[in-house]
């Protein structure tokens, strides 16, 4: 099969993982969260809370690769890369605000995603062991801090921040960091995990195996431990707290489709034991982060086993993963009723459109339009910091 060879230094496996994250997000937006019999749908069970978390982890991998990969850049080059990434983060955040304007009915992740990029920059000097340890610590401590802080913060405005909220910067910042659908303060644990992964040798088969096995073990272990703890009578009583006219198992089943970003602001601390999607509890972060690591590890292993021709074919097939910013923005716009009326059976059409566009761009050897624009606008910031006479090292990601 003819087609463009992967650019030097670019991991096809990561593009495949990005493609899976994009399709997972689309599935959670388009497919009903429950089947007619009331059970969780396959799309919700597989991708609910995990697809967006995979995006956050992959953002961390991107930061790590852009700042040196296994060996972090030092000195002026590190500052130059950080400057470019900071401008990129602001552009993505601004795009997210604009995408909050169409009536898509979706919680747009991009503004939170831009804030996450900014929060990750102070940690670019760290290597993999320190980042793995910090990610684990943050996953435990950040939800506790959020639980204590959120009662003192303004209520969040809307599921998707839009430019009108710039008039209330304090409330917007509180929403992006703590009270929103993708609270960046807690989700920094996922970004740090991705940065740690990006600081490893991703071409090593042993790393792929460790990510796949370790990630799966973490996700399953977090789920089982959470279920054991939330089955205790005292925990169930605290969760109900006289405000739920139902049983403990029914409450947990009700939140299995997602909790809107955080646990109840005035709820008991036992809510931190829940593993529900978009709850930003330690167990949710561990399960989602472990799932993301497992997906990345499996993608690395599968791609490593493929012959060159198959790798090129896979790169075209998963081309959507090379332009997720453009295609995610397109998906948000398509979800407005004026362009594509809601239809819970239309996932395959959405997927075909996005995969088709991605394949066409890769086959033509072109970057996505928003990727090109963001890259063009963010590059000068790095060049201004970088010494004009200093040679620019080859990129490692």
Protein backbone atom coordinates (compact mmCIF):
# COMPACT_ATOMS: atom_id res chain seq x y z
CA UNK A 1 0.00 0.00 0.00
CA UNK A 2 1.39 3.39 -0.93
CA UNK A 3 1.27 6.21 1.52
CA UNK A 4 3.36 8.69 3.43
CA UNK A 5 5.97 7.29 5.78
CA UNK A 6 5.72 8.53 9.37
CA UNK A 7 7.79 11.66 9.93
CA UNK A 8 11.07 10.94 11.75
CA UNK A 9 10.66 10.98 15.52
CA UNK A 10 6.87 10.80 15.46
CA UNK A 11 5.28 7.83 17.22
CA UNK A 12 2.52 6.27 15.15
CA UNK A 13 1.37 4.47 18.30
CA UNK A 14 0.62 7.81 19.97
CA UNK A 15 -1.41 8.92 16.96
CA UNK A 16 -3.38 5.69 17.21
CA UNK A 17 -4.00 6.37 20.91
CA UNK A 18 -5.15 9.92 20.08
CA UNK A 19 -7.48 8.53 17.44
CA UNK A 20 -8.98 6.12 19.98
CA UNK A 21 -9.41 8.98 22.46
CA UNK A 22 -11.20 11.06 19.83
CA UNK A 23 -13.53 8.21 18.87
CA UNK A 24 -14.18 7.52 22.55
CA UNK A 25 -15.17 11.12 23.17
CA UNK A 26 -17.48 11.06 20.16
CA UNK A 27 -19.07 7.82 21.40
CA UNK A 28 -19.84 9.30 24.82
CA UNK A 29 -21.40 12.33 23.11
CA UNK A 30 -23.49 10.44 20.56
CA UNK A 31 -24.35 7.03 22.01
CA UNK A 32 -26.94 6.82 24.80
CA UNK A 33 -25.26 6.14 28.15
CA UNK A 34 -27.72 3.33 28.91
CA UNK A 35 -29.28 0.56 26.89
CA UNK A 36 -33.08 0.16 26.78
CA UNK A 37 -32.94 -2.29 29.71
CA UNK A 38 -31.24 0.35 31.89
CA UNK A 39 -27.76 -1.13 31.93
CA UNK A 40 -24.72 0.88 30.95
CA UNK A 41 -24.12 0.94 27.22
CA UNK A 42 -20.90 -0.50 25.88
CA UNK A 43 -19.75 2.98 24.83
CA UNK A 44 -20.28 4.38 28.33
CA UNK A 45 -18.67 1.38 30.00
CA UNK A 46 -15.59 1.56 27.80
CA UNK A 47 -15.12 5.28 27.18
CA UNK A 48 -17.08 7.15 29.85
CA UNK A 49 -14.54 9.30 31.70
CA UNK A 50 -11.67 7.35 30.14
CA UNK A 51 -11.55 8.92 26.67
CA UNK A 52 -11.14 12.46 28.02
CA UNK A 53 -8.61 11.20 30.58
CA UNK A 54 -6.65 9.58 27.75
CA UNK A 55 -6.53 12.99 26.06
CA UNK A 56 -5.13 14.52 29.27
CA UNK A 57 -2.49 11.82 29.65
CA UNK A 58 -1.50 12.18 25.99
CA UNK A 59 -1.18 15.94 26.56
CA UNK A 60 1.40 15.16 29.20
CA UNK A 61 3.24 12.85 26.79
CA UNK A 62 3.25 15.67 24.23
CA UNK A 63 4.76 18.12 26.73
CA UNK A 64 7.46 15.63 27.70
CA UNK A 65 8.40 14.85 24.10
CA UNK A 66 8.41 18.54 23.16
CA UNK A 67 10.82 19.31 26.01
CA UNK A 68 13.35 16.57 25.39
CA UNK A 69 11.75 13.15 25.83
CA UNK A 70 13.72 10.87 28.19
CA UNK A 71 16.36 13.58 28.76
CA UNK A 72 14.81 16.99 29.49
CA UNK A 73 16.28 19.96 27.68
CA UNK A 74 18.19 22.43 29.82
CA UNK A 75 18.91 26.12 29.75
CA UNK A 76 17.65 28.39 27.02
CA UNK A 77 16.26 25.57 24.91
CA UNK A 78 14.00 24.43 27.74
CA UNK A 79 12.69 27.99 28.18
CA UNK A 80 12.15 28.31 24.44
CA UNK A 81 10.11 25.12 24.31
CA UNK A 82 8.09 26.21 27.34
CA UNK A 83 7.38 29.58 25.75
CA UNK A 84 6.02 27.90 22.62
CA UNK A 85 3.94 25.50 24.70
CA UNK A 86 2.54 28.36 26.79
CA UNK A 87 1.36 30.23 23.70
CA UNK A 88 -0.07 27.00 22.34
CA UNK A 89 -1.94 26.46 25.60
CA UNK A 90 -3.45 29.95 25.48
CA UNK A 91 -4.53 29.48 21.86
CA UNK A 92 -6.17 26.14 22.63
CA UNK A 93 -7.90 27.62 25.68
CA UNK A 94 -9.16 30.52 23.59
CA UNK A 95 -10.48 28.14 20.95
CA UNK A 96 -12.26 26.23 23.71
CA UNK A 97 -14.02 29.41 24.82
CA UNK A 98 -15.18 30.06 21.26
CA UNK A 99 -16.48 26.50 20.95
CA UNK A 100 -18.57 27.13 24.04
CA UNK A 101 -20.71 29.52 22.00
CA UNK A 102 -22.48 27.02 19.66
CA UNK A 103 -25.38 25.23 21.30
CA UNK A 104 -23.80 21.79 21.08
CA UNK A 105 -24.98 20.58 24.48
CA UNK A 106 -21.47 19.24 25.14
CA UNK A 107 -18.90 19.99 27.82
CA UNK A 108 -16.00 21.27 25.71
CA UNK A 109 -12.65 20.16 27.10
CA UNK A 110 -10.30 22.51 25.25
CA UNK A 111 -10.25 25.44 27.70
CA UNK A 112 -9.48 23.06 30.56
CA UNK A 113 -6.93 21.37 28.30
CA UNK A 114 -5.12 24.68 27.76
CA UNK A 115 -5.03 25.35 31.50
CA UNK A 116 -3.62 21.85 32.05
CA UNK A 117 -0.79 22.60 29.62
CA UNK A 118 0.10 25.72 31.62
CA UNK A 119 -0.02 23.84 34.93
CA UNK A 120 2.35 21.18 33.58
CA UNK A 121 5.11 23.56 32.47
CA UNK A 122 6.71 24.03 35.93
CA UNK A 123 7.47 20.30 35.99
CA UNK A 124 9.28 19.91 32.66
CA UNK A 125 12.69 19.62 34.35
CA UNK A 126 11.68 16.42 36.18
CA UNK A 127 12.54 12.94 34.96
CA UNK A 128 10.29 9.89 34.85
CA UNK A 129 10.68 8.53 38.44
CA UNK A 130 9.93 11.90 40.03
CA UNK A 131 6.98 12.50 37.71
CA UNK A 132 5.45 9.07 38.39
CA UNK A 133 5.76 9.68 42.14
CA UNK A 134 4.34 13.19 41.87
CA UNK A 135 1.41 11.96 39.75
CA UNK A 136 0.53 9.36 42.38
CA UNK A 137 0.79 11.90 45.20
CA UNK A 138 -1.28 14.47 43.28
CA UNK A 139 -4.02 11.91 42.57
CA UNK A 140 -4.48 11.46 46.31
CA UNK A 141 -3.93 14.99 47.62
CA UNK A 142 -5.63 17.11 44.93
CA UNK A 143 -9.14 15.61 45.41
CA UNK A 144 -8.82 16.18 49.15
CA UNK A 145 -7.85 19.81 48.62
CA UNK A 146 -10.69 20.23 46.13
CA UNK A 147 -13.16 18.76 48.62
CA UNK A 148 -12.10 21.34 51.21
CA UNK A 149 -11.89 24.32 48.84
CA UNK A 150 -14.97 23.95 46.62
CA UNK A 151 -17.57 24.90 49.28
CA UNK A 152 -15.91 28.33 49.46
CA UNK A 153 -15.87 28.93 45.69
CA UNK A 154 -18.58 30.38 43.42
CA UNK A 155 -20.94 27.93 41.78
CA UNK A 156 -19.85 27.10 38.26
CA UNK A 157 -21.60 28.77 35.38
CA UNK A 158 -22.08 26.40 32.47
CA UNK A 159 -20.76 23.04 31.33
CA UNK A 160 -18.68 24.78 28.65
CA UNK A 161 -16.96 28.09 29.46
CA UNK A 162 -17.49 30.75 26.80
CA UNK A 163 -16.12 34.27 26.20
CA UNK A 164 -18.90 35.90 28.24
CA UNK A 165 -17.41 34.36 31.38
CA UNK A 166 -14.27 36.44 30.94
CA UNK A 167 -16.29 39.21 32.59
CA UNK A 168 -16.03 37.20 35.83
CA UNK A 169 -12.41 36.00 35.78
CA UNK A 170 -12.44 34.75 39.38
CA UNK A 171 -15.46 32.57 38.79
CA UNK A 172 -14.07 31.32 35.48
CA UNK A 173 -10.73 30.43 37.08
CA UNK A 174 -12.50 28.59 39.91
CA UNK A 175 -14.50 26.66 37.34
CA UNK A 176 -11.47 25.73 35.25
CA UNK A 177 -9.43 24.64 38.27
CA UNK A 178 -11.95 23.16 40.70
CA UNK A 179 -15.67 23.20 39.95
CA UNK A 180 -15.91 22.53 36.21
CA UNK A 181 -16.45 19.39 34.20
CA UNK A 182 -12.72 18.72 33.76
CA UNK A 183 -11.21 20.34 36.91
CA UNK A 184 -7.61 21.07 35.96
CA UNK A 185 -6.27 21.11 39.53
CA UNK A 186 -7.19 17.45 40.08
CA UNK A 187 -6.61 16.45 36.45
CA UNK A 188 -3.02 17.61 36.72
CA UNK A 189 -2.40 14.12 38.12
CA UNK A 190 -3.29 12.71 34.68
CA UNK A 191 -1.05 15.22 32.91
CA UNK A 192 1.87 14.40 35.22
CA UNK A 193 1.33 10.71 34.51
CA UNK A 194 1.54 11.46 30.80
CA UNK A 195 4.69 13.51 31.30
CA UNK A 196 6.23 10.61 33.19
CA UNK A 197 5.34 8.26 30.34
CA UNK A 198 6.84 10.69 27.84
CA UNK A 199 10.09 10.73 29.82
CA UNK A 200 10.52 6.97 29.35
CA UNK A 201 11.99 5.23 26.31
CA UNK A 202 8.81 4.71 24.31
CA UNK A 203 10.69 2.67 21.71
CA UNK A 204 11.47 0.02 24.33
CA UNK A 205 9.22 -3.03 24.28
CA UNK A 206 9.72 -3.38 28.03
CA UNK A 207 8.19 0.08 28.52
CA UNK A 208 5.18 -0.92 26.42
CA UNK A 209 4.67 -4.06 28.48
CA UNK A 210 5.07 -2.16 31.76
CA UNK A 211 2.54 0.49 30.71
CA UNK A 212 0.00 -2.07 29.48
CA UNK A 213 0.29 -4.40 32.46
CA UNK A 214 0.81 -1.74 35.11
CA UNK A 215 -1.95 0.47 33.77
CA UNK A 216 -4.43 -2.40 33.65
CA UNK A 217 -3.51 -3.48 37.17
CA UNK A 218 -3.94 0.06 38.47
CA UNK A 219 -7.33 0.52 36.78
CA UNK A 220 -8.71 -2.82 37.95
CA UNK A 221 -7.25 -2.46 41.44
CA UNK A 222 -8.73 1.02 41.90
CA UNK A 223 -12.14 -0.20 40.73
CA UNK A 224 -12.21 -3.24 43.01
CA UNK A 225 -10.98 -1.33 46.06
CA UNK A 226 -13.52 1.44 45.51
CA UNK A 227 -16.36 -1.06 45.20
CA UNK A 228 -15.27 -2.82 48.38
CA UNK A 229 -15.12 0.44 50.34
CA UNK A 230 -18.41 1.84 49.02
CA UNK A 231 -20.18 -1.40 49.94
CA UNK A 232 -19.59 -0.76 53.65
CA UNK A 233 -22.73 0.16 55.58
CA UNK A 234 -21.21 3.28 57.15
CA UNK A 235 -20.03 4.54 53.76
CA UNK A 236 -23.44 3.92 52.20
CA UNK A 237 -25.11 5.83 55.02
CA UNK A 238 -22.74 8.76 54.52
CA UNK A 239 -23.35 8.80 50.77
CA UNK A 240 -27.13 8.83 51.21
CA UNK A 241 -27.00 11.42 54.02
CA UNK A 242 -30.79 11.67 54.09
CA UNK A 243 -30.87 13.28 50.62
CA UNK A 244 -31.31 10.15 48.48
CA UNK A 245 -34.55 8.19 48.70
CA UNK A 246 -32.92 5.02 47.46
CA UNK A 247 -30.29 2.46 48.38
CA UNK A 248 -26.51 2.67 48.24
CA UNK A 249 -26.13 0.41 45.17
CA UNK A 250 -28.77 2.43 43.31
CA UNK A 251 -26.92 5.67 44.07
CA UNK A 252 -23.66 4.24 42.76
CA UNK A 253 -25.43 2.95 39.66
CA UNK A 254 -26.99 6.37 39.10
CA UNK A 255 -23.58 8.08 39.09
CA UNK A 256 -22.00 5.40 36.88
CA UNK A 257 -22.79 7.57 33.84
CA UNK A 258 -20.77 10.45 35.28
CA UNK A 259 -20.87 13.09 38.01
CA UNK A 260 -20.37 16.30 36.06
CA UNK A 261 -16.75 16.79 37.05
CA UNK A 262 -16.68 16.55 40.83
CA UNK A 263 -18.33 14.94 43.81
CA UNK A 264 -21.19 16.85 45.53
CA UNK A 265 -19.73 20.09 46.89
CA UNK A 266 -21.55 19.77 50.21
CA UNK A 267 -21.33 15.98 50.25
CA UNK A 268 -19.64 13.78 52.85
CA UNK A 269 -15.95 13.01 52.47
CA UNK A 270 -16.89 9.39 51.70
CA UNK A 271 -17.76 10.53 48.17
CA UNK A 272 -14.01 10.54 47.60
CA UNK A 273 -14.17 6.73 47.70
CA UNK A 274 -16.36 6.59 44.57
CA UNK A 275 -14.88 5.51 41.22
CA UNK A 276 -17.57 7.11 39.02
CA UNK A 277 -16.53 8.81 35.75
CA UNK A 278 -15.90 12.56 35.98
CA UNK A 279 -15.90 12.53 39.76
CA UNK A 280 -12.21 13.53 40.13
CA UNK A 281 -11.77 11.30 43.17
CA UNK A 282 -8.50 9.46 43.85
CA UNK A 283 -10.12 6.25 42.61
CA UNK A 284 -11.50 7.88 39.47
CA UNK A 285 -8.10 9.39 38.65
CA UNK A 286 -6.35 6.07 39.31
CA UNK A 287 -8.79 4.10 37.17
CA UNK A 288 -8.81 6.62 34.32
CA UNK A 289 -5.06 7.15 34.45
CA UNK A 290 -4.37 3.42 34.57
CA UNK A 291 -6.69 2.84 31.63
CA UNK A 292 -4.90 5.55 29.63
CA UNK A 293 -1.48 4.08 30.39
CA UNK A 294 -2.73 0.63 29.35
CA UNK A 295 -4.07 1.96 26.03
CA UNK A 296 -0.80 3.74 25.28
CA UNK A 297 1.20 0.65 26.19
CA UNK A 298 -0.94 -1.60 24.00
CA UNK A 299 -0.66 0.82 21.09
CA UNK A 300 3.12 0.87 21.45
CA UNK A 301 3.30 -2.93 21.53
CA UNK A 302 0.96 -3.47 18.58
CA UNK A 303 2.69 -0.93 16.35
CA UNK A 304 6.11 -2.36 17.26
CA UNK A 305 5.00 -5.78 15.98
CA UNK A 306 3.75 -4.51 12.62
CA UNK A 307 5.83 -4.55 9.45
CA UNK A 308 6.60 -1.20 7.85
CA UNK A 309 3.85 -1.47 5.23
CA UNK A 310 1.23 -2.21 7.87
CA UNK A 311 2.49 0.67 10.00
CA UNK A 312 2.05 3.09 7.09
CA UNK A 313 -1.45 1.73 6.48
CA UNK A 314 -2.31 2.10 10.16
CA UNK A 315 -1.01 5.66 10.18
CA UNK A 316 -3.41 6.54 7.37
CA UNK A 317 -6.31 4.65 8.94
CA UNK A 318 -5.74 6.38 12.28
CA UNK A 319 -4.88 9.69 10.63
CA UNK A 320 -7.51 11.41 12.75
CA UNK A 321 -5.04 11.04 15.62
CA UNK A 322 -2.65 13.48 13.92
CA UNK A 323 -5.24 16.28 13.85
CA UNK A 324 -7.41 15.79 16.91
CA UNK A 325 -7.64 19.52 17.60
CA UNK A 326 -9.20 20.22 14.19
CA UNK A 327 -11.46 17.19 14.26
CA UNK A 328 -12.61 17.69 17.85
CA UNK A 329 -13.55 21.28 16.99
CA UNK A 330 -15.40 20.01 13.91
CA UNK A 331 -17.24 17.45 16.03
CA UNK A 332 -18.39 20.15 18.47
CA UNK A 333 -19.76 22.24 15.60
CA UNK A 334 -21.44 19.21 14.01
CA UNK A 335 -23.21 18.45 17.27
CA UNK A 336 -25.29 21.62 16.95
CA UNK A 337 -28.85 20.78 15.91
CA UNK A 338 -28.71 23.10 12.91
CA UNK A 339 -25.97 21.02 11.31
CA UNK A 340 -26.55 17.50 12.59
CA UNK A 341 -29.73 16.82 14.60
CA UNK A 342 -29.16 14.48 17.56
CA UNK A 343 -29.41 10.81 16.63
CA UNK A 344 -28.22 8.19 19.08
CA UNK A 345 -27.60 5.76 16.23
CA UNK A 346 -25.30 8.06 14.27
CA UNK A 347 -21.97 7.21 15.89
CA UNK A 348 -20.75 5.28 12.86
CA UNK A 349 -21.47 8.28 10.61
CA UNK A 350 -19.60 10.64 12.92
CA UNK A 351 -16.70 8.19 13.08
CA UNK A 352 -16.59 7.76 9.30
CA UNK A 353 -16.50 11.53 8.74
CA UNK A 354 -13.66 12.08 11.21
CA UNK A 355 -11.66 9.02 10.12
CA UNK A 356 -12.15 9.89 6.47
CA UNK A 357 -10.91 13.44 6.90
CA UNK A 358 -7.95 12.29 8.98
CA UNK A 359 -6.96 9.64 6.44
CA UNK A 360 -7.21 12.13 3.58
CA UNK A 361 -4.96 14.66 5.31
CA UNK A 362 -2.32 12.06 6.20
CA UNK A 363 -2.39 10.56 2.70
CA UNK A 364 -1.83 14.06 1.32
CA UNK A 365 1.02 14.66 3.77
CA UNK A 366 -0.72 17.63 5.38
CA UNK A 367 -1.31 18.72 8.96
CA UNK A 368 -4.74 19.63 10.26
CA UNK A 369 -5.71 23.29 9.71
CA UNK A 370 -5.92 24.18 13.39
CA UNK A 371 -2.70 22.29 14.11
CA UNK A 372 -0.94 24.33 11.42
CA UNK A 373 -2.39 27.58 12.71
CA UNK A 374 -1.51 26.92 16.35
CA UNK A 375 1.97 25.77 15.37
CA UNK A 376 2.57 28.85 13.24
CA UNK A 377 1.40 31.23 15.96
CA UNK A 378 3.25 29.55 18.84
CA UNK A 379 6.63 28.97 17.17
CA UNK A 380 7.77 32.66 17.24
CA UNK A 381 7.56 32.71 21.04
CA UNK A 382 10.18 29.99 21.24
CA UNK A 383 12.36 31.66 18.65
CA UNK A 384 12.36 34.91 20.61
CA UNK A 385 13.62 33.09 23.69
CA UNK A 386 16.09 30.91 21.82
CA UNK A 387 19.38 32.60 21.02
CA UNK A 388 19.29 33.66 17.33
CA UNK A 389 22.68 32.10 16.68
CA UNK A 390 22.13 28.88 18.59
CA UNK A 391 21.45 25.75 16.53
CA UNK A 392 17.99 24.30 17.06
CA UNK A 393 18.14 20.63 18.12
CA UNK A 394 16.09 18.10 16.24
CA UNK A 395 12.70 17.44 17.81
CA UNK A 396 12.25 14.23 19.74
CA UNK A 397 8.53 13.86 19.38
